[in-house]
C-alpha atoms as a PDB file:
ATOM      1  CA  MET A   1    -111.183-187.130 120.721  1.00  0.00           C
ATOM      2  CA  HIS A   2    -113.240-185.920 123.716  1.00  0.00           C
ATOM      3  CA  PRO A   3    -116.858-184.983 123.699  1.00  0.00           C
ATOM      4  CA  PRO A   4    -117.355-181.552 122.263  1.00  0.00           C
ATOM      5  CA  SER A   5    -118.989-180.343 125.521  1.00  0.00           C
ATOM      6  CA  TYR A   6    -115.428-180.534 127.091  1.00  0.00           C
ATOM      7  CA  THR A   7    -114.636-177.409 125.035  1.00  0.00           C
ATOM      8  CA  ASP A   8    -117.651-175.384 126.472  1.00  0.00           C
ATOM      9  CA  GLN A   9    -115.461-173.540 129.088  1.00  0.00           C
ATOM     10  CA  VAL A  10    -112.771-172.597 126.528  1.00  0.00           C
ATOM     11  CA  LEU A  11    -115.576-170.971 124.449  1.00  0.00           C
ATOM     12  CA  VAL A  12    -116.885-169.226 127.493  1.00  0.00           C
ATOM     13  CA  THR A  13    -113.291-167.905 127.996  1.00  0.00           C
ATOM     14  CA  LEU A  14    -113.396-166.463 124.451  1.00  0.00           C
ATOM     15  CA  ALA A  15    -116.777-165.100 124.825  1.00  0.00           C
ATOM     16  CA  ASN A  16    -115.744-163.143 128.005  1.00  0.00           C
ATOM     17  CA  ASP A  17    -112.719-161.667 126.425  1.00  0.00           C
ATOM     18  CA  PRO A  18    -113.577-157.979 125.168  1.00  0.00           C
ATOM     19  CA  VAL A  19    -111.163-158.362 122.135  1.00  0.00           C
ATOM     20  CA  LEU A  20    -111.438-162.082 121.256  1.00  0.00           C
ATOM     21  CA  SER A  21    -115.321-162.201 121.562  1.00  0.00           C
ATOM     22  CA  ARG A  22    -115.488-159.917 118.478  1.00  0.00           C
ATOM     23  CA  LEU A  23    -113.511-162.149 116.206  1.00  0.00           C
ATOM     24  CA  GLY A  24    -114.737-165.087 114.172  1.00  0.00           C
ATOM     25  CA  ARG A  25    -113.973-168.484 115.681  1.00  0.00           C
ATOM     26  CA  VAL A  26    -114.331-171.909 114.416  1.00  0.00           C
ATOM     27  CA  VAL A  27    -114.725-174.976 116.737  1.00  0.00           C
ATOM     28  CA  VAL A  28    -113.636-178.176 114.809  1.00  0.00           C
ATOM     29  CA  ALA A  29    -115.162-181.252 116.095  1.00  0.00           C
ATOM     30  CA  PRO A  30    -114.811-183.784 113.298  1.00  0.00           C
ATOM     31  CA  PRO A  31    -117.457-186.504 112.929  1.00  0.00           C
ATOM     32  CA  GLN A  32    -114.688-189.107 113.148  1.00  0.00           C
ATOM     33  CA  PRO A  33    -112.697-188.817 116.319  1.00  0.00           C
ATOM     34  CA  LEU A  34    -109.406-189.736 114.608  1.00  0.00           C
ATOM     35  CA  ASP A  35    -109.785-186.808 112.218  1.00  0.00           C
ATOM     36  CA  VAL A  36    -108.286-184.554 114.844  1.00  0.00           C
ATOM     37  CA  LEU A  37    -104.955-186.174 113.829  1.00  0.00           C
ATOM     38  CA  SER A  38    -105.349-185.236 110.215  1.00  0.00           C
ATOM     39  CA  ALA A  39    -104.297-181.907 108.879  1.00  0.00           C
ATOM     40  CA  TYR A  40    -106.289-182.428 105.703  1.00  0.00           C
ATOM     41  CA  ALA A  41    -109.591-183.238 107.644  1.00  0.00           C
ATOM     42  CA  LEU A  42    -108.957-180.164 109.805  1.00  0.00           C
ATOM     43  CA  ARG A  43    -108.222-177.932 106.922  1.00  0.00           C
ATOM     44  CA  GLN A  44    -111.390-178.971 105.174  1.00  0.00           C
ATOM     45  CA  ALA A  45    -113.369-178.305 108.264  1.00  0.00           C
ATOM     46  CA  VAL A  46    -111.815-174.864 108.752  1.00  0.00           C
ATOM     47  CA  GLU A  47    -112.241-173.861 105.213  1.00  0.00           C
ATOM     48  CA  VAL A  48    -116.006-174.822 105.220  1.00  0.00           C
ATOM     49  CA  ALA A  49    -116.599-173.088 108.504  1.00  0.00           C
ATOM     50  CA  LEU A  50    -114.901-169.956 107.254  1.00  0.00           C
ATOM     51  CA  GLY A  51    -116.303-170.078 103.840  1.00  0.00           C
ATOM     52  CA  CYS A  52    -112.869-169.949 102.192  1.00  0.00           C
ATOM     53  CA  SER A  53    -112.930-169.761  98.429  1.00  0.00           C
ATOM     54  CA  SER A  54    -110.128-170.827  96.150  1.00  0.00           C
ATOM     55  CA  ASP A  55    -109.581-167.375  94.853  1.00  0.00           C
ATOM     56  CA  ALA A  56    -109.221-165.587  98.074  1.00  0.00           C
ATOM     57  CA  ALA A  57    -106.355-165.620 100.398  1.00  0.00           C
ATOM     58  CA  PRO A  58    -106.888-167.884 103.518  1.00  0.00           C
ATOM     59  CA  PRO A  59    -107.354-165.892 106.631  1.00  0.00           C
ATOM     60  CA  ARG A  60    -104.756-165.706 109.388  1.00  0.00           C
ATOM     61  CA  LEU A  61    -105.311-168.049 112.257  1.00  0.00           C
ATOM     62  CA  ILE A  62    -104.696-168.463 115.968  1.00  0.00           C
ATOM     63  CA  ILE A  63    -105.118-172.106 116.738  1.00  0.00           C
ATOM     64  CA  TRP A  64    -105.985-173.400 120.285  1.00  0.00           C
ATOM     65  CA  ALA A  65    -105.691-177.264 120.354  1.00  0.00           C
ATOM     66  CA  PHE A  66    -105.947-179.807 123.234  1.00  0.00           C
ATOM     67  CA  SER A  67    -104.205-183.053 123.777  1.00  0.00           C
ATOM     68  CA  ALA A  68    -104.217-185.470 120.889  1.00  0.00           C
ATOM     69  CA  GLY A  69    -105.810-182.604 118.909  1.00  0.00           C
ATOM     70  CA  CYS A  70    -102.422-181.013 118.930  1.00  0.00           C
ATOM     71  CA  VAL A  71    -100.995-183.549 116.487  1.00  0.00           C
ATOM     72  CA  GLY A  72    -103.535-182.504 113.695  1.00  0.00           C
ATOM     73  CA  ALA A  73    -103.301-178.819 114.722  1.00  0.00           C
ATOM     74  CA  ALA A  74     -99.478-178.756 114.504  1.00  0.00           C
ATOM     75  CA  ALA A  75     -99.752-180.279 110.895  1.00  0.00           C
ATOM     76  CA  LEU A  76    -102.599-177.937 110.026  1.00  0.00           C
ATOM     77  CA  ALA A  77    -100.499-174.878 111.291  1.00  0.00           C
ATOM     78  CA  ASN A  78     -97.502-176.119 109.229  1.00  0.00           C
ATOM     79  CA  ALA A  79     -99.539-176.434 106.125  1.00  0.00           C
ATOM     80  CA  TRP A  80    -101.542-173.201 106.669  1.00  0.00           C
ATOM     81  CA  GLN A  81     -98.530-171.343 107.219  1.00  0.00           C
ATOM     82  CA  ARG A  82     -97.244-171.779 103.667  1.00  0.00           C
ATOM     83  CA  GLN A  83    -100.348-170.293 102.328  1.00  0.00           C
ATOM     84  CA  SER A  84    -101.301-167.536 104.555  1.00  0.00           C
ATOM     85  CA  SER A  85    -100.310-166.891 108.135  1.00  0.00           C
ATOM     86  CA  VAL A  86    -100.728-168.626 111.525  1.00  0.00           C
ATOM     87  CA  LEU A  87    -100.263-165.972 114.170  1.00  0.00           C
ATOM     88  CA  ALA A  88     -99.922-168.575 116.975  1.00  0.00           C
ATOM     89  CA  LEU A  89    -100.428-172.119 117.942  1.00  0.00           C
ATOM     90  CA  PHE A  90    -101.480-172.876 121.420  1.00  0.00           C
ATOM     91  CA  MET A  91    -100.909-176.447 122.378  1.00  0.00           C
ATOM     92  CA  VAL A  92    -102.722-177.344 125.534  1.00  0.00           C
ATOM     93  CA  ASP A  93    -101.363-180.631 126.938  1.00  0.00           C
ATOM     94  CA  GLY A  94    -100.017-181.549 123.586  1.00  0.00           C
ATOM     95  CA  TRP A  95     -97.292-183.816 125.184  1.00  0.00           C
ATOM     96  CA  GLY A  96     -95.057-185.408 122.623  1.00  0.00           C
ATOM     97  CA  VAL A  97     -96.050-183.075 119.858  1.00  0.00           C
ATOM     98  CA  PRO A  98     -92.973-181.475 118.175  1.00  0.00           C
ATOM     99  CA  ARG A  99     -92.794-177.736 117.768  1.00  0.00           C
ATOM    100  CA  VAL A 100     -93.912-176.373 114.371  1.00  0.00           C
ATOM    101  CA  PRO A 101     -91.005-174.470 112.763  1.00  0.00           C
ATOM    102  CA  GLY A 102     -91.868-170.995 111.542  1.00  0.00           C
ATOM    103  CA  VAL A 103     -94.915-170.651 113.730  1.00  0.00           C
ATOM    104  CA  PRO A 104     -95.022-169.004 117.232  1.00  0.00           C
ATOM    105  CA  VAL A 105     -95.931-171.913 119.553  1.00  0.00           C
ATOM    106  CA  HIS A 106     -96.994-171.900 123.221  1.00  0.00           C
ATOM    107  CA  ARG A 107     -97.264-175.043 125.326  1.00  0.00           C
ATOM    108  CA  LEU A 108     -99.630-175.214 128.210  1.00  0.00           C
ATOM    109  CA  SER A 109     -99.145-178.262 130.582  1.00  0.00           C
ATOM    110  CA  HIS A 110    -101.278-179.531 133.510  1.00  0.00           C
ATOM    111  CA  ASP A 111     -98.164-180.014 135.698  1.00  0.00           C
ATOM    112  CA  ARG A 112     -94.370-179.196 135.884  1.00  0.00           C
ATOM    113  CA  MET A 113     -93.298-182.660 134.761  1.00  0.00           C
ATOM    114  CA  THR A 114     -95.454-182.601 131.532  1.00  0.00           C
ATOM    115  CA  HIS A 115     -93.947-179.085 130.908  1.00  0.00           C
ATOM    116  CA  ASP A 116     -90.350-180.125 131.330  1.00  0.00           C
ATOM    117  CA  THR A 117     -90.768-183.218 129.232  1.00  0.00           C
ATOM    118  CA  SER A 118     -92.617-181.524 126.447  1.00  0.00           C
ATOM    119  CA  ARG A 119     -89.757-179.052 126.004  1.00  0.00           C
ATOM    120  CA  TRP A 120     -87.639-181.850 124.732  1.00  0.00           C
ATOM    121  CA  LEU A 121     -89.464-181.537 121.391  1.00  0.00           C
ATOM    122  CA  GLY A 122     -89.118-177.710 121.183  1.00  0.00           C
ATOM    123  CA  ALA A 123     -90.098-175.258 123.878  1.00  0.00           C
ATOM    124  CA  GLY A 124     -92.654-172.722 123.077  1.00  0.00           C
ATOM    125  CA  ASP A 125     -91.998-168.928 122.791  1.00  0.00           C
ATOM    126  CA  LEU A 126     -93.682-168.489 126.011  1.00  0.00           C
ATOM    127  CA  ASP A 127     -94.995-171.444 128.044  1.00  0.00           C
ATOM    128  CA  PHE A 128     -97.399-172.026 130.885  1.00  0.00           C
ATOM    129  CA  TYR A 129     -97.672-174.907 133.415  1.00  0.00           C
ATOM    130  CA  ALA A 130    -100.365-175.375 136.140  1.00  0.00           C
ATOM    131  CA  ASP A 131     -99.112-175.064 139.741  1.00  0.00           C
ATOM    132  CA  PRO A 132    -100.641-176.796 141.649  1.00  0.00           C
ATOM    133  CA  ALA A 133    -100.852-179.499 139.088  1.00  0.00           C
ATOM    134  CA  VAL A 134    -104.411-180.361 137.812  1.00  0.00           C
ATOM    135  CA  PRO A 135    -105.739-183.361 136.093  1.00  0.00           C
ATOM    136  CA  HIS A 136    -105.192-183.346 132.256  1.00  0.00           C
ATOM    137  CA  LEU A 137    -108.806-182.611 131.248  1.00  0.00           C
ATOM    138  CA  GLN A 138    -109.233-179.831 133.789  1.00  0.00           C
ATOM    139  CA  LEU A 139    -106.765-177.680 131.918  1.00  0.00           C
ATOM    140  CA  TRP A 140    -109.102-177.538 128.989  1.00  0.00           C
ATOM    141  CA  GLN A 141    -112.440-177.910 130.666  1.00  0.00           C
ATOM    142  CA  GLN A 142    -111.787-175.141 133.287  1.00  0.00           C
ATOM    143  CA  PRO A 143    -108.983-172.914 132.165  1.00  0.00           C
ATOM    144  CA  GLN A 144    -110.193-170.083 134.294  1.00  0.00           C
ATOM    145  CA  ALA A 145    -109.954-172.203 137.385  1.00  0.00           C
ATOM    146  CA  VAL A 146    -106.247-173.368 136.546  1.00  0.00           C
ATOM    147  CA  GLU A 147    -103.554-171.194 138.138  1.00  0.00           C
ATOM    148  CA  GLY A 148     -99.986-171.517 137.073  1.00  0.00           C
ATOM    149  CA  TRP A 149     -96.777-169.949 135.775  1.00  0.00           C
ATOM    150  CA  ALA A 150     -96.115-168.254 132.364  1.00  0.00           C
ATOM    151  CA  LEU A 151     -92.387-168.645 131.707  1.00  0.00           C
ATOM    152  CA  PRO A 152     -90.967-165.883 129.496  1.00  0.00           C
ATOM    153  CA  PRO A 153     -87.648-166.557 128.230  1.00  0.00           C
ATOM    154  CA  GLY A 154     -84.941-164.632 130.121  1.00  0.00           C
ATOM    155  CA  ALA A 155     -87.591-163.059 132.535  1.00  0.00           C
ATOM    156  CA  PRO A 156     -89.156-163.979 135.884  1.00  0.00           C
ATOM    157  CA  PRO A 157     -92.158-166.219 135.707  1.00  0.00           C
ATOM    158  CA  ALA A 158     -95.556-164.517 136.012  1.00  0.00           C
ATOM    159  CA  ARG A 159     -98.462-166.152 137.920  1.00  0.00           C
ATOM    160  CA  LEU A 160    -101.845-166.197 136.250  1.00  0.00           C
ATOM    161  CA  SER A 161    -104.702-168.511 135.085  1.00  0.00           C
ATOM    162  CA  ALA A 162    -104.595-170.691 131.957  1.00  0.00           C
ATOM    163  CA  ALA A 163    -107.483-168.685 130.561  1.00  0.00           C
ATOM    164  CA  ASP A 164    -105.619-165.323 131.081  1.00  0.00           C
ATOM    165  CA  PHE A 165    -102.539-166.860 129.340  1.00  0.00           C
ATOM    166  CA  LEU A 166    -104.526-167.948 126.358  1.00  0.00           C
ATOM    167  CA  CYS A 167    -106.394-164.630 126.013  1.00  0.00           C
ATOM    168  CA  GLN A 168    -103.504-162.414 126.696  1.00  0.00           C
ATOM    169  CA  ARG A 169    -101.111-164.121 124.398  1.00  0.00           C
ATOM    170  CA  SER A 170    -103.735-164.292 121.691  1.00  0.00           C
ATOM    171  CA  ARG A 171    -104.418-160.511 122.013  1.00  0.00           C
ATOM    172  CA  ALA A 172    -100.795-159.828 121.812  1.00  0.00           C
ATOM    173  CA  TYR A 173    -100.599-161.492 118.434  1.00  0.00           C
ATOM    174  CA  LEU A 174    -103.592-159.718 117.135  1.00  0.00           C
ATOM    175  CA  GLU A 175    -102.212-156.330 118.397  1.00  0.00           C
ATOM    176  CA  SER A 176     -98.740-156.827 116.833  1.00  0.00           C
ATOM    177  CA  ARG A 177    -100.049-157.833 113.311  1.00  0.00           C
ATOM    178  CA  PRO A 178    -101.430-155.509 110.642  1.00  0.00           C
END
């Protein structure tokens, strides 16, 4: 629901990562802003972008979504998981979006309060919140400039940038799956 240019720095984050930069990626910016809320519209856009055919198995996905886009991304992850595999769903400031069952989920929040209140709908497997707090859009527009805490369950928090969190966790899923 934001201008596509807001995603530029997230794409730079991917391009600068030695592993993730070698993978295919799809940026879904539907022509109708409300299409980010629709799993059907997102699925169609992903299938067209990836050239999926009806006789081939759908590819495995790692999904990074932001804000209201997390609504459609969560529904897409749920549907895609039934036919293929969603390695992980990263919900960046997806406040109010419930956790997707059966899919590894990571929540990234622009402040501690958003982190705490998002957990009511299901904590992620490993979450991140900005500290110091940043404006909502900055978390997506400048993830390399946002410092915060990764919160592994049962382990001490680790300090890193939002960009490092996204890349490190995404690489971990790629390395752990055949």
